Amino acid sequence: MSKESEQVPKESKGFKLGPLGNLNQVTKALGKTIRAMADGTLDSQVGARICNGLGIMRTALETATLERIEDRLNRFEGVRPNGNTTNHRAAFGAH
């Protein structure tokens, strides 16, 4: 097995993404990676792999955010996790 430092191309050694804990940080990292590929700082194959991984992270974070929003909306509407409502009103009222 080779050392990790031998696997990183020389061009990308100074390339750092920073923290990737939330959607905004992942989006910024995508932009930074694309700019680094464009100016030649980062090899395009390495950059493409990084962008692919960041895209997957972005999708996962967006999905988690949407699920949290859906849960909050369900709580406001009085829907339990099993789909039953907590109120006893008719689902549709007369017009």
C-alpha atoms as a PDB file:
ATOM      1  CA  MET A   1       0.000   0.000   0.000  1.00  0.00           C
ATOM      2  CA  SER A   2       1.211   3.465  -0.784  1.00  0.00           C
ATOM      3  CA  LYS A   3       1.011   6.368   1.594  1.00  0.00           C
ATOM      4  CA  GLU A   4      -1.909   8.778   1.360  1.00  0.00           C
ATOM      5  CA  SER A   5       0.444  11.633   0.478  1.00  0.00           C
ATOM      6  CA  GLU A   6       1.621   9.666  -2.567  1.00  0.00           C
ATOM      7  CA  GLN A   7      -1.959   9.236  -3.790  1.00  0.00           C
ATOM      8  CA  VAL A   8      -2.735  12.974  -3.815  1.00  0.00           C
ATOM      9  CA  PRO A   9      -1.665  14.657  -7.077  1.00  0.00           C
ATOM     10  CA  LYS A  10       0.926  17.392  -6.609  1.00  0.00           C
ATOM     11  CA  GLU A  11      -1.416  20.034  -8.070  1.00  0.00           C
ATOM     12  CA  SER A  12      -4.081  19.447  -5.437  1.00  0.00           C
ATOM     13  CA  LYS A  13      -1.952  19.465  -2.277  1.00  0.00           C
ATOM     14  CA  GLY A  14      -2.824  23.116  -1.527  1.00  0.00           C
ATOM     15  CA  PHE A  15      -6.523  22.608  -2.259  1.00  0.00           C
ATOM     16  CA  LYS A  16      -8.672  22.614   0.905  1.00  0.00           C
ATOM     17  CA  LEU A  17     -12.460  22.443   0.965  1.00  0.00           C
ATOM     18  CA  GLY A  18     -13.075  23.517   4.543  1.00  0.00           C
ATOM     19  CA  PRO A  19     -15.976  22.375   6.706  1.00  0.00           C
ATOM     20  CA  LEU A  20     -18.846  20.472   5.067  1.00  0.00           C
ATOM     21  CA  GLY A  21     -21.400  20.370   7.882  1.00  0.00           C
ATOM     22  CA  ASN A  22     -24.334  22.109   6.246  1.00  0.00           C
ATOM     23  CA  LEU A  23     -25.853  22.749   2.833  1.00  0.00           C
ATOM     24  CA  ASN A  24     -24.322  26.207   2.460  1.00  0.00           C
ATOM     25  CA  GLN A  25     -20.807  24.895   3.146  1.00  0.00           C
ATOM     26  CA  VAL A  26     -21.217  22.044   0.649  1.00  0.00           C
ATOM     27  CA  THR A  27     -22.488  24.479  -2.008  1.00  0.00           C
ATOM     28  CA  LYS A  28     -19.500  26.766  -1.413  1.00  0.00           C
ATOM     29  CA  ALA A  29     -17.142  23.777  -1.684  1.00  0.00           C
ATOM     30  CA  LEU A  30     -18.699  22.822  -5.039  1.00  0.00           C
ATOM     31  CA  GLY A  31     -18.059  26.324  -6.350  1.00  0.00           C
ATOM     32  CA  LYS A  32     -14.509  26.348  -4.998  1.00  0.00           C
ATOM     33  CA  THR A  33     -13.792  22.982  -6.645  1.00  0.00           C
ATOM     34  CA  ILE A  34     -15.152  24.090 -10.005  1.00  0.00           C
ATOM     35  CA  ARG A  35     -13.112  27.317  -9.886  1.00  0.00           C
ATOM     36  CA  ALA A  36      -9.957  25.354  -8.966  1.00  0.00           C
ATOM     37  CA  MET A  37     -10.483  23.065 -11.962  1.00  0.00           C
ATOM     38  CA  ALA A  38     -11.079  26.051 -14.223  1.00  0.00           C
ATOM     39  CA  ASP A  39      -7.874  27.850 -13.239  1.00  0.00           C
ATOM     40  CA  GLY A  40      -5.775  24.664 -13.365  1.00  0.00           C
ATOM     41  CA  THR A  41      -5.094  24.427  -9.617  1.00  0.00           C
ATOM     42  CA  LEU A  42      -6.895  21.087  -9.447  1.00  0.00           C
ATOM     43  CA  ASP A  43      -6.736  18.206 -11.924  1.00  0.00           C
ATOM     44  CA  SER A  44     -10.086  17.849 -13.672  1.00  0.00           C
ATOM     45  CA  GLN A  45     -10.400  14.117 -12.919  1.00  0.00           C
ATOM     46  CA  VAL A  46      -9.786  14.673  -9.212  1.00  0.00           C
ATOM     47  CA  GLY A  47     -12.110  17.674  -9.248  1.00  0.00           C
ATOM     48  CA  ALA A  48     -14.845  15.690 -10.964  1.00  0.00           C
ATOM     49  CA  ARG A  49     -14.668  13.005  -8.283  1.00  0.00           C
ATOM     50  CA  ILE A  50     -14.808  15.649  -5.557  1.00  0.00           C
ATOM     51  CA  CYS A  51     -17.789  17.324  -7.252  1.00  0.00           C
ATOM     52  CA  ASN A  52     -19.548  13.971  -7.516  1.00  0.00           C
ATOM     53  CA  GLY A  53     -19.110  13.335  -3.793  1.00  0.00           C
ATOM     54  CA  LEU A  54     -20.157  16.871  -2.908  1.00  0.00           C
ATOM     55  CA  GLY A  55     -23.245  16.488  -5.100  1.00  0.00           C
ATOM     56  CA  ILE A  56     -24.209  13.351  -3.198  1.00  0.00           C
ATOM     57  CA  MET A  57     -23.692  15.165   0.105  1.00  0.00           C
ATOM     58  CA  ARG A  58     -25.790  18.093  -1.132  1.00  0.00           C
ATOM     59  CA  THR A  59     -28.634  15.781  -2.108  1.00  0.00           C
ATOM     60  CA  ALA A  60     -28.533  14.044   1.273  1.00  0.00           C
ATOM     61  CA  LEU A  61     -28.566  17.349   3.150  1.00  0.00           C
ATOM     62  CA  GLU A  62     -31.437  18.668   1.004  1.00  0.00           C
ATOM     63  CA  THR A  63     -33.415  15.483   1.640  1.00  0.00           C
ATOM     64  CA  ALA A  64     -32.847  15.727   5.392  1.00  0.00           C
ATOM     65  CA  THR A  65     -33.967  19.369   5.334  1.00  0.00           C
ATOM     66  CA  LEU A  66     -37.105  18.530   3.381  1.00  0.00           C
ATOM     67  CA  GLU A  67     -37.945  15.717   5.803  1.00  0.00           C
ATOM     68  CA  ARG A  68     -37.585  18.091   8.765  1.00  0.00           C
ATOM     69  CA  ILE A  69     -39.876  20.609   7.038  1.00  0.00           C
ATOM     70  CA  GLU A  70     -42.411  17.873   6.281  1.00  0.00           C
ATOM     71  CA  ASP A  71     -42.378  16.749   9.928  1.00  0.00           C
ATOM     72  CA  ARG A  72     -42.936  20.323  11.115  1.00  0.00           C
ATOM     73  CA  LEU A  73     -45.815  20.812   8.693  1.00  0.00           C
ATOM     74  CA  ASN A  74     -47.389  17.547   9.828  1.00  0.00           C
ATOM     75  CA  ARG A  75     -47.148  18.673  13.451  1.00  0.00           C
ATOM     76  CA  PHE A  76     -48.828  21.972  12.586  1.00  0.00           C
ATOM     77  CA  GLU A  77     -51.582  20.122  10.750  1.00  0.00           C
ATOM     78  CA  GLY A  78     -51.999  17.620  13.569  1.00  0.00           C
ATOM     79  CA  VAL A  79     -50.935  14.564  11.590  1.00  0.00           C
ATOM     80  CA  ARG A  80     -49.336  11.739  13.538  1.00  0.00           C
ATOM     81  CA  PRO A  81     -46.407   9.794  12.037  1.00  0.00           C
ATOM     82  CA  ASN A  82     -48.758   6.892  11.124  1.00  0.00           C
ATOM     83  CA  GLY A  83     -50.889   9.232   8.983  1.00  0.00           C
ATOM     84  CA  ASN A  84     -53.812   9.642  11.394  1.00  0.00           C
ATOM     85  CA  THR A  85     -54.927  13.120  12.376  1.00  0.00           C
ATOM     86  CA  THR A  86     -55.108  14.245  15.984  1.00  0.00           C
ATOM     87  CA  ASN A  87     -58.173  16.395  15.456  1.00  0.00           C
ATOM     88  CA  HIS A  88     -61.662  15.032  14.907  1.00  0.00           C
ATOM     89  CA  ARG A  89     -62.791  17.499  12.271  1.00  0.00           C
ATOM     90  CA  ALA A  90     -63.745  16.334   8.828  1.00  0.00           C
ATOM     91  CA  ALA A  91     -60.843  16.353   6.423  1.00  0.00           C
ATOM     92  CA  PHE A  92     -62.802  18.428   3.908  1.00  0.00           C
ATOM     93  CA  GLY A  93     -65.341  21.080   4.740  1.00  0.00           C
ATOM     94  CA  ALA A  94     -68.341  22.253   2.711  1.00  0.00           C
ATOM     95  CA  HIS A  95     -67.856  25.262   0.475  1.00  0.00           C
END
